[in-house]
Each structure stands twice: as C-alpha cells, then as structure tokens.
Amino acid sequence: MGLSISKQLVELMNGKIWVESEHGKGSSFFFEIRLEQGDSKSSDLQDAKQDESRLLELEANAVKAQLPDRQIHAELNPQLKQQLLAKLREYALKRRPKLCHEVLSEIAKYQLTPEEESFFRDLKTMVDRRKYKAIVERIDEK
C-alpha cells in the first residue's frame, strides 16, 4: 500500500518512480521529481525542512515496501518467457537497446533457473555490445 501511495504522489508531481530488483539481493525503489526554488523566507525554510523530512520518510517507506512475493520470486512460466523472448527478438531486429534492456529488466523480476540466468546474462551482454544479429540467432536457437 505504501508503494501505491508513493507512486500516486510522485505522479501528481509529474515525476517518475521505478524499482530495480536483483535476484537474491532485493529491490531498490527510486523516484525523481522537479521542484521549483522558492523564496528564502524563514517560514518557507521551516516548511521546506518539514517537507524534506516528509519526503525522506516517504522514500524510506517506499524502500521498505516489498512487492508481493509473486512479483519478485515467481518462476518465469513458459508462456510468459516466450512472449518476452519474442519482444526481445523484435527489439533486437529494430536495434533498440533501451527496449531490449526493459524486457531483460522485466525478466529479472522472476526466479530463474541457473540455465535461464546464464542465457539471459549472455543476452544482456550481447545487447550491451550491440550484437543484435547474435541476439536473434540465440533466441531462435531456443
């Protein structure tokens, strides 16, 4: 529930919020918002300190929040795996590294077998090196 509220607050401020998960290490939550610099009146400064305190508390709560186990620790089912691989293949054919990384980040949310971890780690390396043809060939081998 805290993450949902955090997301709503950040979106109300035209910001963005995201999570980065690493299997076995946990998740980190981040947000970015733009704030305008106000007058430096003492009461405004006091309000700013309170707002900063609230934001730090909000950030701490967001970091402590955990997604339901099924979203981080669920096994990657074969149907979803094929859909994600098809998207990755499509983006590799279009030479779109950012979109390839987004698919790989989605895959990283799931519990993978050692074989799958190795496979997706290799694909990530290929994306980093812009080896799009090799990505497509490796996916087609699967």
N, C-alpha and C. Protein backbone atom coordinates (compact mmCIF):
# COMPACT_ATOMS: atom_id res chain seq x y z
N MET A 1 0.82 -1.19 0.00
CA MET A 1 0.00 0.00 0.00
C MET A 1 0.87 1.26 0.00
N GLY A 2 1.97 1.27 0.72
CA GLY A 2 2.85 2.43 0.76
C GLY A 2 3.43 2.75 -0.60
N LEU A 3 3.75 1.71 -1.38
CA LEU A 3 4.30 1.93 -2.71
C LEU A 3 3.25 2.52 -3.63
N SER A 4 2.02 2.10 -3.49
CA SER A 4 0.94 2.65 -4.30
C SER A 4 0.74 4.14 -4.00
N ILE A 5 0.77 4.50 -2.74
CA ILE A 5 0.63 5.91 -2.35
C ILE A 5 1.83 6.72 -2.86
N SER A 6 3.02 6.15 -2.73
CA SER A 6 4.22 6.83 -3.22
C SER A 6 4.12 7.08 -4.71
N LYS A 7 3.66 6.08 -5.44
CA LYS A 7 3.51 6.21 -6.89
C LYS A 7 2.53 7.34 -7.22
N GLN A 8 1.41 7.38 -6.51
CA GLN A 8 0.42 8.43 -6.77
C GLN A 8 0.99 9.81 -6.48
N LEU A 9 1.71 9.95 -5.38
CA LEU A 9 2.29 11.25 -5.03
C LEU A 9 3.31 11.71 -6.07
N VAL A 10 4.17 10.80 -6.46
CA VAL A 10 5.20 11.14 -7.44
C VAL A 10 4.55 11.52 -8.77
N GLU A 11 3.55 10.78 -9.19
CA GLU A 11 2.87 11.09 -10.46
C GLU A 11 2.13 12.42 -10.37
N LEU A 12 1.58 12.75 -9.20
CA LEU A 12 0.92 14.04 -9.03
C LEU A 12 1.90 15.20 -9.20
N MET A 13 3.17 14.94 -8.91
CA MET A 13 4.20 15.96 -9.04
C MET A 13 4.92 15.85 -10.39
N ASN A 14 4.28 15.15 -11.33
CA ASN A 14 4.85 14.95 -12.67
C ASN A 14 6.23 14.33 -12.64
N GLY A 15 6.42 13.42 -11.71
CA GLY A 15 7.70 12.73 -11.59
C GLY A 15 7.59 11.31 -12.09
N LYS A 16 8.62 10.56 -11.81
CA LYS A 16 8.59 9.15 -12.18
C LYS A 16 9.15 8.34 -11.02
N ILE A 17 8.68 7.12 -10.91
CA ILE A 17 9.10 6.20 -9.85
C ILE A 17 9.38 4.86 -10.50
N TRP A 18 10.42 4.17 -10.01
CA TRP A 18 10.74 2.87 -10.58
C TRP A 18 11.42 2.01 -9.54
N VAL A 19 11.48 0.74 -9.85
CA VAL A 19 12.11 -0.24 -8.97
C VAL A 19 13.19 -0.97 -9.75
N GLU A 20 14.28 -1.26 -9.09
CA GLU A 20 15.33 -2.09 -9.66
C GLU A 20 15.51 -3.26 -8.71
N SER A 21 15.34 -4.46 -9.25
CA SER A 21 15.43 -5.67 -8.44
C SER A 21 16.61 -6.52 -8.88
N GLU A 22 17.24 -7.14 -7.92
CA GLU A 22 18.31 -8.07 -8.23
C GLU A 22 18.04 -9.34 -7.43
N HIS A 23 17.91 -10.43 -8.15
CA HIS A 23 17.59 -11.71 -7.53
C HIS A 23 18.58 -12.03 -6.42
N GLY A 24 18.06 -12.34 -5.27
CA GLY A 24 18.90 -12.69 -4.14
C GLY A 24 19.40 -11.52 -3.33
N LYS A 25 19.23 -10.29 -3.84
CA LYS A 25 19.72 -9.10 -3.13
C LYS A 25 18.59 -8.17 -2.72
N GLY A 26 17.45 -8.27 -3.39
CA GLY A 26 16.32 -7.41 -3.02
C GLY A 26 16.03 -6.35 -4.06
N SER A 27 15.24 -5.38 -3.65
CA SER A 27 14.77 -4.34 -4.55
C SER A 27 15.10 -2.96 -3.99
N SER A 28 15.36 -2.02 -4.89
CA SER A 28 15.56 -0.62 -4.53
C SER A 28 14.54 0.20 -5.29
N PHE A 29 13.94 1.14 -4.60
CA PHE A 29 12.93 2.00 -5.21
C PHE A 29 13.49 3.40 -5.34
N PHE A 30 13.22 4.03 -6.48
CA PHE A 30 13.73 5.36 -6.78
C PHE A 30 12.60 6.25 -7.28
N PHE A 31 12.76 7.55 -7.09
CA PHE A 31 11.83 8.48 -7.72
C PHE A 31 12.55 9.77 -8.03
N GLU A 32 12.04 10.46 -9.06
CA GLU A 32 12.57 11.75 -9.47
C GLU A 32 11.40 12.72 -9.57
N ILE A 33 11.57 13.91 -9.03
CA ILE A 33 10.58 14.98 -9.18
C ILE A 33 11.33 16.29 -9.39
N ARG A 34 10.70 17.22 -10.05
CA ARG A 34 11.27 18.55 -10.23
C ARG A 34 10.61 19.48 -9.24
N LEU A 35 11.43 20.25 -8.54
CA LEU A 35 10.91 21.21 -7.58
C LEU A 35 11.43 22.60 -7.97
N GLU A 36 10.58 23.59 -7.80
CA GLU A 36 10.99 24.95 -8.06
C GLU A 36 11.61 25.54 -6.80
N GLN A 37 12.60 26.39 -6.99
CA GLN A 37 13.23 27.05 -5.86
C GLN A 37 12.33 28.21 -5.44
N GLY A 38 12.00 28.27 -4.17
CA GLY A 38 11.12 29.33 -3.67
C GLY A 38 11.90 30.44 -3.00
N ASP A 39 11.16 31.37 -2.40
CA ASP A 39 11.78 32.46 -1.64
C ASP A 39 12.46 31.88 -0.41
N SER A 40 13.45 32.60 0.09
CA SER A 40 14.20 32.08 1.24
C SER A 40 13.71 32.69 2.55
N LYS A 41 12.41 32.92 2.69
CA LYS A 41 11.86 33.41 3.95
C LYS A 41 12.01 32.33 5.01
N SER A 42 12.15 32.75 6.25
CA SER A 42 12.39 31.77 7.31
C SER A 42 11.23 30.79 7.46
N SER A 43 9.98 31.26 7.33
CA SER A 43 8.86 30.33 7.46
C SER A 43 8.84 29.34 6.30
N ASP A 44 9.23 29.83 5.11
CA ASP A 44 9.31 28.93 3.97
C ASP A 44 10.41 27.89 4.18
N LEU A 45 11.50 28.33 4.78
CA LEU A 45 12.60 27.41 5.06
C LEU A 45 12.16 26.34 6.05
N GLN A 46 11.41 26.75 7.05
CA GLN A 46 10.88 25.80 8.04
C GLN A 46 9.96 24.79 7.34
N ASP A 47 9.07 25.30 6.46
CA ASP A 47 8.16 24.42 5.72
C ASP A 47 8.95 23.46 4.84
N ALA A 48 10.00 23.98 4.20
CA ALA A 48 10.82 23.15 3.32
C ALA A 48 11.49 22.03 4.12
N LYS A 49 11.97 22.35 5.32
CA LYS A 49 12.59 21.33 6.15
C LYS A 49 11.59 20.25 6.53
N GLN A 50 10.35 20.67 6.85
CA GLN A 50 9.31 19.69 7.16
C GLN A 50 8.98 18.85 5.93
N ASP A 51 8.89 19.52 4.76
CA ASP A 51 8.61 18.79 3.53
C ASP A 51 9.73 17.80 3.22
N GLU A 52 10.97 18.25 3.42
CA GLU A 52 12.11 17.37 3.18
C GLU A 52 12.05 16.17 4.12
N SER A 53 11.69 16.43 5.36
CA SER A 53 11.58 15.35 6.32
C SER A 53 10.50 14.35 5.89
N ARG A 54 9.37 14.89 5.41
CA ARG A 54 8.29 14.02 4.95
C ARG A 54 8.72 13.22 3.72
N LEU A 55 9.45 13.88 2.80
CA LEU A 55 9.92 13.17 1.61
C LEU A 55 10.90 12.06 1.97
N LEU A 56 11.79 12.35 2.93
CA LEU A 56 12.74 11.32 3.35
C LEU A 56 12.00 10.15 3.99
N GLU A 57 10.97 10.46 4.78
CA GLU A 57 10.17 9.40 5.39
C GLU A 57 9.45 8.60 4.31
N LEU A 58 8.89 9.31 3.32
CA LEU A 58 8.21 8.65 2.22
C LEU A 58 9.16 7.74 1.45
N GLU A 59 10.37 8.25 1.20
CA GLU A 59 11.36 7.45 0.49
C GLU A 59 11.74 6.21 1.31
N ALA A 60 11.93 6.39 2.60
CA ALA A 60 12.29 5.25 3.46
C ALA A 60 11.18 4.21 3.45
N ASN A 61 9.93 4.67 3.51
CA ASN A 61 8.80 3.74 3.48
C ASN A 61 8.72 3.02 2.15
N ALA A 62 8.99 3.74 1.07
CA ALA A 62 8.95 3.12 -0.25
C ALA A 62 10.04 2.06 -0.38
N VAL A 63 11.22 2.36 0.17
CA VAL A 63 12.32 1.39 0.10
C VAL A 63 11.99 0.16 0.94
N LYS A 64 11.34 0.36 2.07
CA LYS A 64 11.00 -0.75 2.94
C LYS A 64 9.87 -1.60 2.37
N ALA A 65 9.04 -0.96 1.54
CA ALA A 65 7.89 -1.69 0.98
C ALA A 65 8.40 -2.83 0.12
N GLN A 66 7.68 -3.92 0.17
CA GLN A 66 8.06 -5.06 -0.65
C GLN A 66 6.91 -5.39 -1.58
N LEU A 67 7.25 -5.72 -2.82
CA LEU A 67 6.23 -6.17 -3.74
C LEU A 67 5.80 -7.56 -3.30
N PRO A 68 4.57 -7.95 -3.63
CA PRO A 68 4.15 -9.31 -3.27
C PRO A 68 5.14 -10.34 -3.82
N ASP A 69 5.32 -11.42 -3.08
CA ASP A 69 6.28 -12.44 -3.47
C ASP A 69 6.11 -12.90 -4.91
N ARG A 70 4.88 -12.99 -5.37
CA ARG A 70 4.65 -13.49 -6.72
C ARG A 70 5.25 -12.58 -7.78
N GLN A 71 5.48 -11.31 -7.46
CA GLN A 71 6.02 -10.40 -8.47
C GLN A 71 7.54 -10.44 -8.51
N ILE A 72 8.17 -10.80 -7.44
CA ILE A 72 9.63 -10.84 -7.43
C ILE A 72 10.14 -12.29 -7.51
N HIS A 73 9.48 -13.18 -6.81
CA HIS A 73 10.02 -14.52 -6.65
C HIS A 73 9.31 -15.60 -7.46
N ALA A 74 8.32 -15.22 -8.25
CA ALA A 74 7.62 -16.22 -9.04
C ALA A 74 8.53 -16.78 -10.12
N GLU A 75 8.30 -18.03 -10.47
CA GLU A 75 9.06 -18.61 -11.56
C GLU A 75 8.53 -18.06 -12.87
N LEU A 76 9.39 -17.95 -13.83
CA LEU A 76 9.03 -17.45 -15.15
C LEU A 76 8.34 -18.59 -15.90
N ASN A 77 7.01 -18.46 -16.12
CA ASN A 77 6.30 -19.55 -16.78
C ASN A 77 6.63 -19.57 -18.27
N PRO A 78 6.54 -20.73 -18.90
CA PRO A 78 6.96 -20.87 -20.31
C PRO A 78 6.24 -19.92 -21.27
N GLN A 79 4.96 -19.69 -21.07
CA GLN A 79 4.21 -18.82 -21.98
C GLN A 79 4.73 -17.38 -21.89
N LEU A 80 4.90 -16.87 -20.67
CA LEU A 80 5.41 -15.52 -20.48
C LEU A 80 6.84 -15.41 -21.01
N LYS A 81 7.62 -16.45 -20.76
CA LYS A 81 9.01 -16.47 -21.24
C LYS A 81 9.03 -16.32 -22.76
N GLN A 82 8.17 -17.06 -23.46
CA GLN A 82 8.13 -16.98 -24.92
C GLN A 82 7.68 -15.59 -25.40
N GLN A 83 6.72 -15.00 -24.68
CA GLN A 83 6.26 -13.65 -25.04
C GLN A 83 7.39 -12.63 -24.88
N LEU A 84 8.11 -12.73 -23.76
CA LEU A 84 9.20 -11.80 -23.51
C LEU A 84 10.36 -12.00 -24.49
N LEU A 85 10.65 -13.26 -24.82
CA LEU A 85 11.69 -13.53 -25.81
C LEU A 85 11.30 -12.99 -27.19
N ALA A 86 10.02 -13.11 -27.53
CA ALA A 86 9.54 -12.58 -28.82
C ALA A 86 9.71 -11.06 -28.86
N LYS A 87 9.39 -10.39 -27.74
CA LYS A 87 9.57 -8.93 -27.67
C LYS A 87 11.05 -8.57 -27.78
N LEU A 88 11.88 -9.31 -27.06
CA LEU A 88 13.33 -9.05 -27.10
C LEU A 88 13.86 -9.23 -28.53
N ARG A 89 13.41 -10.27 -29.19
CA ARG A 89 13.82 -10.53 -30.58
C ARG A 89 13.38 -9.39 -31.49
N GLU A 90 12.13 -8.96 -31.32
CA GLU A 90 11.59 -7.85 -32.12
C GLU A 90 12.43 -6.59 -31.93
N TYR A 91 12.74 -6.26 -30.67
CA TYR A 91 13.52 -5.05 -30.40
C TYR A 91 14.95 -5.18 -30.89
N ALA A 92 15.51 -6.40 -30.85
CA ALA A 92 16.86 -6.60 -31.37
C ALA A 92 16.87 -6.39 -32.89
N LEU A 93 15.85 -6.89 -33.57
CA LEU A 93 15.76 -6.69 -35.02
C LEU A 93 15.65 -5.21 -35.38
N LYS A 94 15.00 -4.44 -34.48
CA LYS A 94 14.85 -3.00 -34.70
C LYS A 94 16.05 -2.21 -34.16
N ARG A 95 17.01 -2.93 -33.56
CA ARG A 95 18.20 -2.31 -32.98
C ARG A 95 17.83 -1.25 -31.94
N ARG A 96 17.02 -1.68 -30.96
CA ARG A 96 16.54 -0.78 -29.91
C ARG A 96 17.06 -1.25 -28.55
N PRO A 97 18.29 -0.88 -28.18
CA PRO A 97 18.90 -1.39 -26.94
C PRO A 97 18.11 -1.04 -25.68
N LYS A 98 17.55 0.17 -25.61
CA LYS A 98 16.82 0.55 -24.40
C LYS A 98 15.62 -0.36 -24.19
N LEU A 99 14.90 -0.65 -25.27
CA LEU A 99 13.74 -1.54 -25.16
C LEU A 99 14.17 -2.97 -24.85
N CYS A 100 15.31 -3.38 -25.40
CA CYS A 100 15.85 -4.71 -25.06
C CYS A 100 16.13 -4.79 -23.57
N HIS A 101 16.75 -3.74 -23.02
CA HIS A 101 17.07 -3.73 -21.59
C HIS A 101 15.80 -3.73 -20.74
N GLU A 102 14.74 -3.06 -21.21
CA GLU A 102 13.48 -3.06 -20.47
C GLU A 102 12.91 -4.47 -20.38
N VAL A 103 12.97 -5.21 -21.48
CA VAL A 103 12.50 -6.60 -21.46
C VAL A 103 13.36 -7.44 -20.51
N LEU A 104 14.66 -7.27 -20.59
CA LEU A 104 15.55 -8.03 -19.71
C LEU A 104 15.33 -7.65 -18.24
N SER A 105 15.01 -6.39 -17.96
CA SER A 105 14.70 -5.97 -16.58
C SER A 105 13.41 -6.63 -16.10
N GLU A 106 12.45 -6.75 -16.98
CA GLU A 106 11.20 -7.44 -16.63
C GLU A 106 11.48 -8.90 -16.30
N ILE A 107 12.30 -9.53 -17.10
CA ILE A 107 12.66 -10.94 -16.88
C ILE A 107 13.38 -11.10 -15.54
N ALA A 108 14.20 -10.12 -15.18
CA ALA A 108 15.00 -10.20 -13.94
C ALA A 108 14.12 -10.21 -12.69
N LYS A 109 12.86 -9.85 -12.80
CA LYS A 109 11.96 -9.85 -11.65
C LYS A 109 11.55 -11.26 -11.24
N TYR A 110 11.85 -12.23 -12.08
CA TYR A 110 11.39 -13.59 -11.83
C TYR A 110 12.54 -14.47 -11.36
N GLN A 111 12.14 -15.52 -10.66
CA GLN A 111 13.11 -16.50 -10.21
C GLN A 111 13.47 -17.36 -11.41
N LEU A 112 14.74 -17.41 -11.75
CA LEU A 112 15.20 -18.13 -12.93
C LEU A 112 16.03 -19.33 -12.53
N THR A 113 16.02 -20.32 -13.38
CA THR A 113 16.91 -21.46 -13.16
C THR A 113 18.33 -21.00 -13.49
N PRO A 114 19.34 -21.71 -13.02
CA PRO A 114 20.72 -21.33 -13.37
C PRO A 114 20.93 -21.27 -14.89
N GLU A 115 20.31 -22.19 -15.62
CA GLU A 115 20.43 -22.19 -17.08
C GLU A 115 19.80 -20.92 -17.67
N GLU A 116 18.63 -20.54 -17.17
CA GLU A 116 17.98 -19.32 -17.65
C GLU A 116 18.81 -18.08 -17.29
N GLU A 117 19.34 -18.05 -16.06
CA GLU A 117 20.17 -16.91 -15.66
C GLU A 117 21.35 -16.74 -16.60
N SER A 118 22.01 -17.83 -16.93
CA SER A 118 23.15 -17.79 -17.84
C SER A 118 22.72 -17.31 -19.23
N PHE A 119 21.61 -17.83 -19.72
CA PHE A 119 21.08 -17.47 -21.03
C PHE A 119 20.78 -15.98 -21.10
N PHE A 120 20.06 -15.46 -20.10
CA PHE A 120 19.68 -14.05 -20.12
C PHE A 120 20.88 -13.13 -19.84
N ARG A 121 21.82 -13.60 -19.05
CA ARG A 121 23.05 -12.82 -18.83
C ARG A 121 23.82 -12.68 -20.14
N ASP A 122 23.87 -13.78 -20.91
CA ASP A 122 24.52 -13.72 -22.23
C ASP A 122 23.80 -12.76 -23.16
N LEU A 123 22.46 -12.79 -23.14
CA LEU A 123 21.69 -11.87 -23.98
C LEU A 123 21.95 -10.42 -23.58
N LYS A 124 22.03 -10.17 -22.27
CA LYS A 124 22.29 -8.80 -21.81
C LYS A 124 23.66 -8.32 -22.30
N THR A 125 24.64 -9.20 -22.24
CA THR A 125 25.98 -8.85 -22.73
C THR A 125 25.92 -8.52 -24.22
N MET A 126 25.15 -9.31 -24.97
CA MET A 126 25.02 -9.05 -26.40
C MET A 126 24.34 -7.70 -26.66
N VAL A 127 23.33 -7.38 -25.86
CA VAL A 127 22.66 -6.08 -26.01
C VAL A 127 23.66 -4.96 -25.71
N ASP A 128 24.41 -5.11 -24.61
CA ASP A 128 25.40 -4.09 -24.25
C ASP A 128 26.43 -3.88 -25.35
N ARG A 129 26.75 -4.95 -26.06
CA ARG A 129 27.74 -4.86 -27.14
C ARG A 129 27.11 -4.59 -28.50
N ARG A 130 25.78 -4.42 -28.50
CA ARG A 130 25.03 -4.12 -29.73
C ARG A 130 25.17 -5.23 -30.78
N LYS A 131 25.17 -6.47 -30.31
CA LYS A 131 25.28 -7.65 -31.18
C LYS A 131 23.88 -8.17 -31.50
N TYR A 132 23.12 -7.37 -32.25
CA TYR A 132 21.71 -7.66 -32.48
C TYR A 132 21.48 -8.96 -33.26
N LYS A 133 22.30 -9.22 -34.25
CA LYS A 133 22.15 -10.44 -35.05
C LYS A 133 22.37 -11.67 -34.15
N ALA A 134 23.38 -11.59 -33.29
CA ALA A 134 23.67 -12.70 -32.37
C ALA A 134 22.52 -12.92 -31.40
N ILE A 135 21.86 -11.85 -30.98
CA ILE A 135 20.71 -11.97 -30.06
C ILE A 135 19.61 -12.75 -30.76
N VAL A 136 19.28 -12.35 -31.97
CA VAL A 136 18.21 -13.01 -32.73
C VAL A 136 18.55 -14.47 -32.94
N GLU A 137 19.79 -14.76 -33.32
CA GLU A 137 20.21 -16.16 -33.55
C GLU A 137 20.10 -16.99 -32.28
N ARG A 138 20.53 -16.39 -31.16
CA ARG A 138 20.49 -17.13 -29.88
C ARG A 138 19.04 -17.39 -29.45
N ILE A 139 18.17 -16.42 -29.65
CA ILE A 139 16.75 -16.63 -29.30
C ILE A 139 16.15 -17.69 -30.22
N ASP A 140 16.48 -17.63 -31.50
CA ASP A 140 15.93 -18.62 -32.45
C ASP A 140 16.40 -20.05 -32.16
N GLU A 141 17.58 -20.17 -31.53
CA GLU A 141 18.09 -21.50 -31.15
C GLU A 141 17.23 -22.11 -30.04
N LYS A 142 16.65 -21.27 -29.21
CA LYS A 142 15.84 -21.75 -28.06
C LYS A 142 14.65 -22.47 -28.50
